[in-house]
Amino acid sequence: MNAVITVLGKDNVGILAKVSNECANVDVNILEVTQSVLQGMFAMIMFVDITNCTVPFAHLVDTLTEKGEQMGVKVHVMHEDIFNAMHKI
C-alpha cells in the first residue's frame, strides 16, 4: 500500500529531514520525492510505501499534520487509492 504526502509552506531549514524522520520512525519507506523552492515557498511531494507502517494510517496522518504545524507548513497525507480515485479521468 502506498500514500502521497504533500508539504507546502514558507521555506525553512530541515523540512525534508523532519518529515523523513517521522516516516522512518514508523517504518514508512520513501519511494520517490520531489521538492522545489519557488520565491521562498517550499513545495514537496513524497510517494511512500506504508505496507510496513507500525501505526494505523490515521495516526500517521495526525503525526505528520502536527509536525507540519510545528514547522509552520501544511502537510497532507492521502492514501494512494483515494489519490488515484480523485485524479481518474
PDB file of N, CA and C in Angstrom:
ATOM      1  N   MET A   1       0.850  -1.177   0.000  1.00  0.00           N
ATOM      2  CA  MET A   1       0.000   0.000   0.000  1.00  0.00           C
ATOM      3  C   MET A   1       0.892   1.236   0.000  1.00  0.00           C
ATOM      4  N   ASN A   2       0.442   2.232  -0.720  1.00  0.00           N
ATOM      5  CA  ASN A   2       1.222   3.454  -0.833  1.00  0.00           C
ATOM      6  C   ASN A   2       0.389   4.665  -0.436  1.00  0.00           C
ATOM      7  N   ALA A   3       1.074   5.783  -0.242  1.00  0.00           N
ATOM      8  CA  ALA A   3       0.412   7.043   0.089  1.00  0.00           C
ATOM      9  C   ALA A   3       1.195   8.184  -0.541  1.00  0.00           C
ATOM     10  N   VAL A   4       0.531   9.318  -0.640  1.00  0.00           N
ATOM     11  CA  VAL A   4       1.145  10.539  -1.157  1.00  0.00           C
ATOM     12  C   VAL A   4       1.167  11.560  -0.025  1.00  0.00           C
ATOM     13  N   ILE A   5       2.334  12.126   0.228  1.00  0.00           N
ATOM     14  CA  ILE A   5       2.496  13.157   1.253  1.00  0.00           C
ATOM     15  C   ILE A   5       2.888  14.445   0.538  1.00  0.00           C
ATOM     16  N   THR A   6       2.139  15.511   0.778  1.00  0.00           N
ATOM     17  CA  THR A   6       2.499  16.809   0.211  1.00  0.00           C
ATOM     18  C   THR A   6       2.820  17.768   1.347  1.00  0.00           C
ATOM     19  N   VAL A   7       3.784  18.636   1.097  1.00  0.00           N
ATOM     20  CA  VAL A   7       4.183  19.644   2.080  1.00  0.00           C
ATOM     21  C   VAL A   7       4.281  20.982   1.349  1.00  0.00           C
ATOM     22  N   LEU A   8       3.593  21.991   1.870  1.00  0.00           N
ATOM     23  CA  LEU A   8       3.606  23.329   1.287  1.00  0.00           C
ATOM     24  C   LEU A   8       3.765  24.365   2.384  1.00  0.00           C
ATOM     25  N   GLY A   9       4.564  25.388   2.124  1.00  0.00           N
ATOM     26  CA  GLY A   9       4.696  26.477   3.083  1.00  0.00           C
ATOM     27  C   GLY A   9       5.965  27.259   2.877  1.00  0.00           C
ATOM     28  N   LYS A  10       6.180  28.188   3.778  1.00  0.00           N
ATOM     29  CA  LYS A  10       7.378  29.021   3.718  1.00  0.00           C
ATOM     30  C   LYS A  10       8.607  28.147   3.956  1.00  0.00           C
ATOM     31  N   ASP A  11       9.611  28.328   3.117  1.00  0.00           N
ATOM     32  CA  ASP A  11      10.829  27.525   3.217  1.00  0.00           C
ATOM     33  C   ASP A  11      11.568  27.813   4.515  1.00  0.00           C
ATOM     34  N   ASN A  12      12.069  26.748   5.141  1.00  0.00           N
ATOM     35  CA  ASN A  12      12.972  26.873   6.273  1.00  0.00           C
ATOM     36  C   ASN A  12      13.820  25.614   6.359  1.00  0.00           C
ATOM     37  N   VAL A  13      14.829  25.644   7.161  1.00  0.00           N
ATOM     38  CA  VAL A  13      15.795  24.558   7.258  1.00  0.00           C
ATOM     39  C   VAL A  13      15.159  23.313   7.869  1.00  0.00           C
ATOM     40  N   GLY A  14      15.387  22.148   7.244  1.00  0.00           N
ATOM     41  CA  GLY A  14      15.049  20.870   7.852  1.00  0.00           C
ATOM     42  C   GLY A  14      13.681  20.299   7.550  1.00  0.00           C
ATOM     43  N   ILE A  15      12.932  20.891   6.648  1.00  0.00           N
ATOM     44  CA  ILE A  15      11.583  20.374   6.382  1.00  0.00           C
ATOM     45  C   ILE A  15      11.660  18.932   5.892  1.00  0.00           C
ATOM     46  N   LEU A  16      12.447  18.687   4.861  1.00  0.00           N
ATOM     47  CA  LEU A  16      12.565  17.332   4.320  1.00  0.00           C
ATOM     48  C   LEU A  16      13.068  16.362   5.385  1.00  0.00           C
ATOM     49  N   ALA A  17      14.053  16.776   6.136  1.00  0.00           N
ATOM     50  CA  ALA A  17      14.630  15.907   7.174  1.00  0.00           C
ATOM     51  C   ALA A  17      13.605  15.551   8.244  1.00  0.00           C
ATOM     52  N   LYS A  18      12.821  16.515   8.677  1.00  0.00           N
ATOM     53  CA  LYS A  18      11.844  16.262   9.743  1.00  0.00           C
ATOM     54  C   LYS A  18      10.709  15.364   9.277  1.00  0.00           C
ATOM     55  N   VAL A  19      10.223  15.577   8.064  1.00  0.00           N
ATOM     56  CA  VAL A  19       9.160  14.715   7.536  1.00  0.00           C
ATOM     57  C   VAL A  19       9.715  13.307   7.310  1.00  0.00           C
ATOM     58  N   SER A  20      10.905  13.216   6.745  1.00  0.00           N
ATOM     59  CA  SER A  20      11.537  11.913   6.509  1.00  0.00           C
ATOM     60  C   SER A  20      11.763  11.165   7.818  1.00  0.00           C
ATOM     61  N   ASN A  21      12.186  11.878   8.851  1.00  0.00           N
ATOM     62  CA  ASN A  21      12.423  11.258  10.154  1.00  0.00           C
ATOM     63  C   ASN A  21      11.134  10.684  10.730  1.00  0.00           C
ATOM     64  N   GLU A  22      10.024  11.427  10.614  1.00  0.00           N
ATOM     65  CA  GLU A  22       8.736  10.922  11.104  1.00  0.00           C
ATOM     66  C   GLU A  22       8.341   9.654  10.357  1.00  0.00           C
ATOM     67  N   CYS A  23       8.604   9.624   9.053  1.00  0.00           N
ATOM     68  CA  CYS A  23       8.309   8.420   8.260  1.00  0.00           C
ATOM     69  C   CYS A  23       9.164   7.250   8.738  1.00  0.00           C
ATOM     70  N   ALA A  24      10.451   7.483   8.909  1.00  0.00           N
ATOM     71  CA  ALA A  24      11.363   6.421   9.341  1.00  0.00           C
ATOM     72  C   ALA A  24      10.983   5.870  10.711  1.00  0.00           C
ATOM     73  N   ASN A  25      10.514   6.742  11.592  1.00  0.00           N
ATOM     74  CA  ASN A  25      10.146   6.313  12.950  1.00  0.00           C
ATOM     75  C   ASN A  25       9.045   5.264  12.966  1.00  0.00           C
ATOM     76  N   VAL A  26       8.215   5.217  11.914  1.00  0.00           N
ATOM     77  CA  VAL A  26       7.091   4.269  11.871  1.00  0.00           C
ATOM     78  C   VAL A  26       7.205   3.316  10.677  1.00  0.00           C
ATOM     79  N   ASP A  27       8.421   3.139  10.180  1.00  0.00           N
ATOM     80  CA  ASP A  27       8.713   2.205   9.082  1.00  0.00           C
ATOM     81  C   ASP A  27       7.962   2.501   7.791  1.00  0.00           C
ATOM     82  N   VAL A  28       7.791   3.780   7.484  1.00  0.00           N
ATOM     83  CA  VAL A  28       7.247   4.196   6.189  1.00  0.00           C
ATOM     84  C   VAL A  28       8.432   4.441   5.273  1.00  0.00           C
ATOM     85  N   ASN A  29       8.451   3.746   4.129  1.00  0.00           N
ATOM     86  CA  ASN A  29       9.570   3.834   3.199  1.00  0.00           C
ATOM     87  C   ASN A  29       9.277   4.872   2.119  1.00  0.00           C
ATOM     88  N   ILE A  30      10.196   5.801   1.939  1.00  0.00           N
ATOM     89  CA  ILE A  30      10.043   6.826   0.908  1.00  0.00           C
ATOM     90  C   ILE A  30      10.507   6.234  -0.418  1.00  0.00           C
ATOM     91  N   LEU A  31       9.579   6.175  -1.381  1.00  0.00           N
ATOM     92  CA  LEU A  31       9.880   5.607  -2.693  1.00  0.00           C
ATOM     93  C   LEU A  31      10.371   6.667  -3.670  1.00  0.00           C
ATOM     94  N   GLU A  32       9.713   7.819  -3.662  1.00  0.00           N
ATOM     95  CA  GLU A  32      10.092   8.925  -4.544  1.00  0.00           C
ATOM     96  C   GLU A  32       9.814  10.231  -3.818  1.00  0.00           C
ATOM     97  N   VAL A  33      10.636  11.232  -4.125  1.00  0.00           N
ATOM     98  CA  VAL A  33      10.421  12.552  -3.552  1.00  0.00           C
ATOM     99  C   VAL A  33      10.850  13.615  -4.557  1.00  0.00           C
ATOM    100  N   THR A  34      10.072  14.667  -4.621  1.00  0.00           N
ATOM    101  CA  THR A  34      10.441  15.819  -5.423  1.00  0.00           C
ATOM    102  C   THR A  34      10.151  17.053  -4.590  1.00  0.00           C
ATOM    103  N   GLN A  35      11.026  18.032  -4.694  1.00  0.00           N
ATOM    104  CA  GLN A  35      10.818  19.262  -3.935  1.00  0.00           C
ATOM    105  C   GLN A  35      11.310  20.455  -4.740  1.00  0.00           C
ATOM    106  N   SER A  36      10.707  21.589  -4.457  1.00  0.00           N
ATOM    107  CA  SER A  36      11.093  22.842  -5.101  1.00  0.00           C
ATOM    108  C   SER A  36      10.966  23.967  -4.099  1.00  0.00           C
ATOM    109  N   VAL A  37      11.758  24.994  -4.313  1.00  0.00           N
ATOM    110  CA  VAL A  37      11.596  26.233  -3.568  1.00  0.00           C
ATOM    111  C   VAL A  37      11.399  27.319  -4.612  1.00  0.00           C
ATOM    112  N   LEU A  38      10.239  27.958  -4.561  1.00  0.00           N
ATOM    113  CA  LEU A  38       9.881  28.999  -5.516  1.00  0.00           C
ATOM    114  C   LEU A  38       9.619  30.284  -4.760  1.00  0.00           C
ATOM    115  N   GLN A  39      10.475  31.265  -4.948  1.00  0.00           N
ATOM    116  CA  GLN A  39      10.350  32.560  -4.289  1.00  0.00           C
ATOM    117  C   GLN A  39      10.085  32.420  -2.789  1.00  0.00           C
ATOM    118  N   GLY A  40      10.847  31.542  -2.142  1.00  0.00           N
ATOM    119  CA  GLY A  40      10.748  31.366  -0.700  1.00  0.00           C
ATOM    120  C   GLY A  40       9.655  30.419  -0.234  1.00  0.00           C
ATOM    121  N   MET A  41       8.901  29.841  -1.165  1.00  0.00           N
ATOM    122  CA  MET A  41       7.854  28.886  -0.809  1.00  0.00           C
ATOM    123  C   MET A  41       8.345  27.474  -1.104  1.00  0.00           C
ATOM    124  N   PHE A  42       8.207  26.588  -0.125  1.00  0.00           N
ATOM    125  CA  PHE A  42       8.652  25.203  -0.229  1.00  0.00           C
ATOM    126  C   PHE A  42       7.488  24.341  -0.683  1.00  0.00           C
ATOM    127  N   ALA A  43       7.742  23.458  -1.652  1.00  0.00           N
ATOM    128  CA  ALA A  43       6.734  22.513  -2.121  1.00  0.00           C
ATOM    129  C   ALA A  43       7.390  21.148  -2.279  1.00  0.00           C
ATOM    130  N   MET A  44       6.773  20.112  -1.693  1.00  0.00           N
ATOM    131  CA  MET A  44       7.339  18.767  -1.781  1.00  0.00           C
ATOM    132  C   MET A  44       6.215  17.757  -1.946  1.00  0.00           C
ATOM    133  N   ILE A  45       6.488  16.747  -2.769  1.00  0.00           N
ATOM    134  CA  ILE A  45       5.590  15.606  -2.905  1.00  0.00           C
ATOM    135  C   ILE A  45       6.421  14.355  -2.649  1.00  0.00           C
ATOM    136  N   MET A  46       5.925  13.510  -1.758  1.00  0.00           N
ATOM    137  CA  MET A  46       6.577  12.233  -1.467  1.00  0.00           C
ATOM    138  C   MET A  46       5.602  11.110  -1.804  1.00  0.00           C
ATOM    139  N   PHE A  47       6.110  10.081  -2.448  1.00  0.00           N
ATOM    140  CA  PHE A  47       5.348   8.865  -2.683  1.00  0.00           C
ATOM    141  C   PHE A  47       5.956   7.829  -1.759  1.00  0.00           C
ATOM    142  N   VAL A  48       5.176   7.286  -0.837  1.00  0.00           N
ATOM    143  CA  VAL A  48       5.710   6.423   0.209  1.00  0.00           C
ATOM    144  C   VAL A  48       4.994   5.076   0.252  1.00  0.00           C
ATOM    145  N   ASP A  49       5.718   4.076   0.725  1.00  0.00           N
ATOM    146  CA  ASP A  49       5.171   2.737   0.929  1.00  0.00           C
ATOM    147  C   ASP A  49       4.785   2.619   2.401  1.00  0.00           C
ATOM    148  N   ILE A  50       3.499   2.393   2.655  1.00  0.00           N
ATOM    149  CA  ILE A  50       3.012   2.298   4.035  1.00  0.00           C
ATOM    150  C   ILE A  50       2.711   0.857   4.437  1.00  0.00           C
ATOM    151  N   THR A  51       3.142  -0.101   3.620  1.00  0.00           N
ATOM    152  CA  THR A  51       2.855  -1.518   3.878  1.00  0.00           C
ATOM    153  C   THR A  51       3.302  -1.950   5.264  1.00  0.00           C
ATOM    154  N   ASN A  52       4.485  -1.539   5.684  1.00  0.00           N
ATOM    155  CA  ASN A  52       5.040  -1.971   6.971  1.00  0.00           C
ATOM    156  C   ASN A  52       4.896  -0.925   8.070  1.00  0.00           C
ATOM    157  N   CYS A  53       4.047   0.056   7.859  1.00  0.00           N
ATOM    158  CA  CYS A  53       3.853   1.110   8.851  1.00  0.00           C
ATOM    159  C   CYS A  53       3.419   0.506  10.187  1.00  0.00           C
ATOM    160  N   THR A  54       4.065   0.940  11.246  1.00  0.00           N
ATOM    161  CA  THR A  54       3.829   0.349  12.571  1.00  0.00           C
ATOM    162  C   THR A  54       2.696   1.018  13.344  1.00  0.00           C
ATOM    163  N   VAL A  55       2.063   2.018  12.750  1.00  0.00           N
ATOM    164  CA  VAL A  55       0.927   2.689  13.397  1.00  0.00           C
ATOM    165  C   VAL A  55      -0.242   2.727  12.404  1.00  0.00           C
ATOM    166  N   PRO A  56      -1.461   2.870  12.894  1.00  0.00           N
ATOM    167  CA  PRO A  56      -2.599   2.995  11.974  1.00  0.00           C
ATOM    168  C   PRO A  56      -2.432   4.221  11.071  1.00  0.00           C
ATOM    169  N   PHE A  57      -2.997   4.151   9.863  1.00  0.00           N
ATOM    170  CA  PHE A  57      -2.870   5.220   8.894  1.00  0.00           C
ATOM    171  C   PHE A  57      -3.331   6.555   9.475  1.00  0.00           C
ATOM    172  N   ALA A  58      -4.441   6.557  10.203  1.00  0.00           N
ATOM    173  CA  ALA A  58      -4.961   7.797  10.799  1.00  0.00           C
ATOM    174  C   ALA A  58      -3.945   8.416  11.760  1.00  0.00           C
ATOM    175  N   HIS A  59      -3.211   7.585  12.472  1.00  0.00           N
ATOM    176  CA  HIS A  59      -2.184   8.090  13.391  1.00  0.00           C
ATOM    177  C   HIS A  59      -1.041   8.734  12.608  1.00  0.00           C
ATOM    178  N   LEU A  60      -0.651   8.109  11.500  1.00  0.00           N
ATOM    179  CA  LEU A  60       0.383   8.680  10.639  1.00  0.00           C
ATOM    180  C   LEU A  60      -0.041  10.054  10.130  1.00  0.00           C
ATOM    181  N   VAL A  61      -1.279  10.141   9.677  1.00  0.00           N
ATOM    182  CA  VAL A  61      -1.815  11.417   9.191  1.00  0.00           C
ATOM    183  C   VAL A  61      -1.748  12.469  10.289  1.00  0.00           C
ATOM    184  N   ASP A  62      -2.219  12.121  11.476  1.00  0.00           N
ATOM    185  CA  ASP A  62      -2.228  13.070  12.592  1.00  0.00           C
ATOM    186  C   ASP A  62      -0.805  13.500  12.976  1.00  0.00           C
ATOM    187  N   THR A  63       0.119  12.557  13.010  1.00  0.00           N
ATOM    188  CA  THR A  63       1.501  12.850  13.386  1.00  0.00           C
ATOM    189  C   THR A  63       2.147  13.811  12.392  1.00  0.00           C
ATOM    190  N   LEU A  64       1.969  13.540  11.096  1.00  0.00           N
ATOM    191  CA  LEU A  64       2.581  14.406  10.094  1.00  0.00           C
ATOM    192  C   LEU A  64       1.896  15.767  10.024  1.00  0.00           C
ATOM    193  N   THR A  65       0.590  15.799  10.238  1.00  0.00           N
ATOM    194  CA  THR A  65      -0.126  17.079  10.280  1.00  0.00           C
ATOM    195  C   THR A  65       0.389  17.933  11.436  1.00  0.00           C
ATOM    196  N   GLU A  66       0.547  17.312  12.591  1.00  0.00           N
ATOM    197  CA  GLU A  66       1.057  18.024  13.772  1.00  0.00           C
ATOM    198  C   GLU A  66       2.497  18.492  13.555  1.00  0.00           C
ATOM    199  N   LYS A  67       3.327  17.652  12.958  1.00  0.00           N
ATOM    200  CA  LYS A  67       4.719  18.027  12.680  1.00  0.00           C
ATOM    201  C   LYS A  67       4.748  19.229  11.741  1.00  0.00           C
ATOM    202  N   GLY A  68       3.869  19.231  10.745  1.00  0.00           N
ATOM    203  CA  GLY A  68       3.773  20.364   9.831  1.00  0.00           C
ATOM    204  C   GLY A  68       3.402  21.645  10.552  1.00  0.00           C
ATOM    205  N   GLU A  69       2.432  21.556  11.444  1.00  0.00           N
ATOM    206  CA  GLU A  69       2.021  22.734  12.224  1.00  0.00           C
ATOM    207  C   GLU A  69       3.188  23.272  13.039  1.00  0.00           C
ATOM    208  N   GLN A  70       3.982  22.380  13.619  1.00  0.00           N
ATOM    209  CA  GLN A  70       5.151  22.798  14.400  1.00  0.00           C
ATOM    210  C   GLN A  70       6.180  23.518  13.533  1.00  0.00           C
ATOM    211  N   MET A  71       6.276  23.110  12.259  1.00  0.00           N
ATOM    212  CA  MET A  71       7.254  23.706  11.344  1.00  0.00           C
ATOM    213  C   MET A  71       6.681  24.911  10.593  1.00  0.00           C
ATOM    214  N   GLY A  72       5.394  25.159  10.722  1.00  0.00           N
ATOM    215  CA  GLY A  72       4.771  26.279  10.024  1.00  0.00           C
ATOM    216  C   GLY A  72       4.471  25.993   8.561  1.00  0.00           C
ATOM    217  N   VAL A  73       4.280  24.699   8.229  1.00  0.00           N
ATOM    218  CA  VAL A  73       3.928  24.304   6.870  1.00  0.00           C
ATOM    219  C   VAL A  73       2.680  23.420   6.921  1.00  0.00           C
ATOM    220  N   LYS A  74       2.066  23.236   5.775  1.00  0.00           N
ATOM    221  CA  LYS A  74       0.884  22.385   5.664  1.00  0.00           C
ATOM    222  C   LYS A  74       1.315  21.024   5.118  1.00  0.00           C
ATOM    223  N   VAL A  75       1.054  19.960   5.879  1.00  0.00           N
ATOM    224  CA  VAL A  75       1.364  18.603   5.445  1.00  0.00           C
ATOM    225  C   VAL A  75       0.046  17.876   5.233  1.00  0.00           C
ATOM    226  N   HIS A  76      -0.078  17.248   4.072  1.00  0.00           N
ATOM    227  CA  HIS A  76      -1.289  16.497   3.746  1.00  0.00           C
ATOM    228  C   HIS A  76      -0.880  15.089   3.353  1.00  0.00           C
ATOM    229  N   VAL A  77      -1.557  14.088   3.936  1.00  0.00           N
ATOM    230  CA  VAL A  77      -1.268  12.689   3.639  1.00  0.00           C
ATOM    231  C   VAL A  77      -2.522  12.064   3.061  1.00  0.00           C
ATOM    232  N   MET A  78      -2.371  11.408   1.907  1.00  0.00           N
ATOM    233  CA  MET A  78      -3.516  10.802   1.248  1.00  0.00           C
ATOM    234  C   MET A  78      -3.163   9.385   0.798  1.00  0.00           C
ATOM    235  N   HIS A  79      -4.029   8.439   1.110  1.00  0.00           N
ATOM    236  CA  HIS A  79      -3.835   7.063   0.662  1.00  0.00           C
ATOM    237  C   HIS A  79      -3.843   7.042  -0.863  1.00  0.00           C
ATOM    238  N   GLU A  80      -3.006   6.200  -1.454  1.00  0.00           N
ATOM    239  CA  GLU A  80      -2.886   6.132  -2.908  1.00  0.00           C
ATOM    240  C   GLU A  80      -4.229   5.847  -3.589  1.00  0.00           C
ATOM    241  N   ASP A  81      -5.054   5.004  -3.006  1.00  0.00           N
ATOM    242  CA  ASP A  81      -6.349   4.678  -3.613  1.00  0.00           C
ATOM    243  C   ASP A  81      -7.224   5.916  -3.742  1.00  0.00           C
ATOM    244  N   ILE A  82      -7.229   6.755  -2.708  1.00  0.00           N
ATOM    245  CA  ILE A  82      -8.019   7.988  -2.749  1.00  0.00           C
ATOM    246  C   ILE A  82      -7.423   8.949  -3.772  1.00  0.00           C
ATOM    247  N   PHE A  83      -6.100   9.069  -3.767  1.00  0.00           N
ATOM    248  CA  PHE A  83      -5.424   9.933  -4.726  1.00  0.00           C
ATOM    249  C   PHE A  83      -5.772   9.534  -6.155  1.00  0.00           C
ATOM    250  N   ASN A  84      -5.687   8.237  -6.449  1.00  0.00           N
ATOM    251  CA  ASN A  84      -5.988   7.750  -7.797  1.00  0.00           C
ATOM    252  C   ASN A  84      -7.444   7.971  -8.163  1.00  0.00           C
ATOM    253  N   ALA A  85      -8.356   7.767  -7.221  1.00  0.00           N
ATOM    254  CA  ALA A  85      -9.772   7.973  -7.491  1.00  0.00           C
ATOM    255  C   ALA A  85     -10.064   9.443  -7.784  1.00  0.00           C
ATOM    256  N   MET A  86      -9.399  10.340  -7.097  1.00  0.00           N
ATOM    257  CA  MET A  86      -9.620  11.766  -7.287  1.00  0.00           C
ATOM    258  C   MET A  86      -9.072  12.263  -8.627  1.00  0.00           C
ATOM    259  N   HIS A  87      -8.037  11.595  -9.135  1.00  0.00           N
ATOM    260  CA  HIS A  87      -7.378  12.053 -10.336  1.00  0.00           C
ATOM    261  C   HIS A  87      -7.658  11.182 -11.552  1.00  0.00           C
ATOM    262  N   LYS A  88      -8.660  10.329 -11.431  1.00  0.00           N
ATOM    263  CA  LYS A  88      -9.028   9.459 -12.550  1.00  0.00           C
ATOM    264  C   LYS A  88      -9.920  10.223 -13.510  1.00  0.00           C
ATOM    265  N   ILE A  89      -9.626  10.106 -14.777  1.00  0.00           N
ATOM    266  CA  ILE A  89     -10.422  10.812 -15.790  1.00  0.00           C
ATOM    267  C   ILE A  89     -11.538   9.912 -16.287  1.00  0.00           C
TER     268      ILE A  89
END
